[in-house]
Amino acid sequence: MHKLSKKIILGSGSPRRRELLSGLDLEFTLDTGNSFEESVPEGARPEDVPMLMALGKSHGFHRPLEDNELLITADTVVIIDGCVIGKPHGREDAAAMLRRLSGRTHTVVSAVCFRDACGEWSLKDSTEVSFAPLSEEEINYYIDKYKPYDKAGAYGIQEWIGYVAIRGVKGSFYTVMGFPVDLVWAELKKYSL
């Protein structure tokens, strides 16, 4: 549909981001070479954390960009009680996260950074997600079967837990998956021929 004037590089190891960018029917390459070590700066506001991480991933890319390249990096966090919940560090951490989200509404913030040889710009999007109460049996089943250790908040909205526990989504479903594709599309159209 659109032919872009830049070669897109997705600087993310996330299979979900790869799937969502593929859904736009655009050609891109995957390159996860990066020196950035994720750590939240002291005093950062929770809603700013994904933007700081996306920018850090962009700046940590392992090589300079050529004139015809566009690098895309992204990050997603779950925020509840004014605290950032990132990826779980193991089974018990995942269970604790899901217990905390059970029966409550939280916010998911995804940020995307675009960078070419001339500069960089970024966007972020927020979505509210409401969970039904989860039993210990449901939490254990989900963790044991789906192993959500690579997901912010220890869940994937597109998986079993999304079918059985998510009562409402106010905002973009894809922001919760980690990549607000409608906003990314709007940015990429600026590069169409």
Foldseek 3Di string as FASTA:
>chain_A
DFDFQAAEEEQDPDPLVVVLVVVVVYDHHYDNAFDQDDDDDPPDFQLCRFVVVQVSRVVRHPDAADQRHKYKGKDKWKDDPRDTFFFAPDLVRLLVLCQVQAQAKIKMKMKMKIDHNVGIDIDMDMKIWGWYGDDPVRSVVCCVPPVQRNAHSSDACVDPRVVPITPDMGTDSVSNNHDPSVVVVVVRSVRTD
